[in-house]
Amino acid sequence: GNKADLSGNDLLQYWESDPRTDVVLLYLESFGNPRKFSRIARRLMRTTPVVAVKSGRSSAGARAASSHTGALLAASDRTVDALFRQAGVIRTDTLSELFDVAKLLVSQPVPAGRRVGVVTNAGGPGILCADTCAAEGLDVVDLREATQQALRDALPAGASVGNPVDTIAAVTPDIYERAVRTVGASGEVDALIAIYIPPLAGDPMRFVAALRRAADELPKGVPLLSVFMSSVTTAPIDGVTRIPVYAFPEDAVRALANAARLGRWRCIPDEAAGEPPGLRHDEASALLAAATGESPDGRWLSPDEVARLLGCYGIPLIGGRTVTTIADAVAAAHAVGGSVALKAVAGGLVHKSDIGAVRLGLRTSQDVADAAHDIRRAVTGAGYTLDGYLVQPMVDAGVELLVGVTAEPTFGPVVVCGAGGTTVELLNDVAVRITPLTRREAHDMLRELATFPLLDGYRGAPRRNVAAVEDLLLRISAIADHQPTVAEFDCNPVVVNEQGATVLDARVLARGSRGLRV
């Protein structure tokens, strides 16, 4: 119902203590206390799988967001995905898929890995099964020559002994059973999918019996899923071990892929949140309290305040000088030396590049003066008041990332990492986690990005300092978790090269406390 007296968290706690519950299925529209949900589900998932459908993926009711980080999360379902991922909860898109996963988990073991064997009496469904496995992150492995020879000795002429194993339509129940047992007992697969399409002649129930006999002989840790593409049987096949039955290969594969993800999650040991040394929480709290005291409704911190906040957490922000006049900007550029960047300082202006308020690679005093005039015209023309200029040295080239935080009304602070620069929303390549982060989660966030190969030596490029980015994520997470007045926080771009990770620009929105998180 509408949770008038019992919440999803209450039910999870009940099922956690109920020895008769083997699998938990949830349909959710909202979270009353998502952090408590995460803690309970994380404990429960170690012994009892939780499978959930969460409705409300659309953009209706999305809040307006001004920072890059907020824009990436607004109206998205990424925060829910992050919550489930961190807690190990299996999320499905439909109720049908929910029950497909459930009937596997209540009857078969969780697979120990991603290697899949496929046995079929029709080539087409076997190919579709293999394609779906590849799309879902499962590996249809090549069978060893000894296993293939054993299959050749058993199967009729014309059969295929690769993987998928195609026994052809003329196969007998006994030979079909032998093929299933050979592949399942080979030690080369972590799970097995058996597909059967009844031919025009023959008794399909004989193959049901054959599959039941084969299942009873398989190694205990290897789950067996069956696909009977007929109306003969849709119920699970009972025996010593119950075999789930699916109507189509794709349904079986998606259920197996979800179970395999659970197996991988359970292999990761519990880990406390990672917090680097040298963090000055009290000093940062005082700085933010002063900022919000001056503006109870909240405001964007000045560049100097941002630099002080990041300094409290050991976050490497490129040095710079804030000045108020064009002449001072020229003098500051001369003092910095070499090539410099010039940026506008204006209250409420977040996306400076969008209006031409950032100029890069300025080498001469005339370049700086001309750029300052252009920036002043751009800022005032866009309706902002120019408070000054920020002069910064240019840095060595590297991969640009965004690292940021936004305060979700329901979930609390959420850390985002993704491809950075001026094309953040266009690329939309981000990983999301709810704070606090563990070191493992910081590690995994980076490797989820489609652009991670750019950090890892793509096409002969030098490997970037990934460890520095992981450390940065933990420091950003510490700010989010210890400073409830930080409503939005962008570090964009963060330039990552062989030496480390340097924040080139950062914006922090501070406002009244987000309140306690239980």
Foldseek 3Di string as FASTA:
>chain_A
DPPPPHDPLNVLVVLLPDPVAAEAEEEEADDQFLVSVLVSLLVSLLGHAYEYEYDDQAQPPWDDDDALVSVLPTSHCQAVVQSCLSSLHHYDHDPVLRVLLVVQRVFAAQFLAQEEAEEEQDPPLQVVLCVLSVVLVHHPDWDDPVLLVVLVVLADPPWDSTGNTHSHQPDDLQSSLVNLLSVQAVVRGREYEYEYEHDPDDDVVSNLVSVQVSVVNGPRRYAYEYEYQDPPDQCWRDDPTTHHYDNGSSSNSSSSSSSNSSSVVSVDDDFDFDADPQAQLVVLQVLLVVQCVVPQAWFKDFPVSVVVNCVNLVAFAFDKDWDADLVVQLVRDVVQAAWKKKAFTWTPDHLRVVQLRIDGGQHHSVSSSVSVVVNCCSQVVVPIDTRTMIIGHDDDAAFWKKWKWAQDLRQGIKIKIARFDPCCVVVSFIHIHRDDHHLVRLVVRLVSGPCSVSQCQPPNRDHWDSVQSSNVNNSNRVCRVSHQQFRIKMQGTWGIGNVHTYRHDMMTIGHPGSDDRD
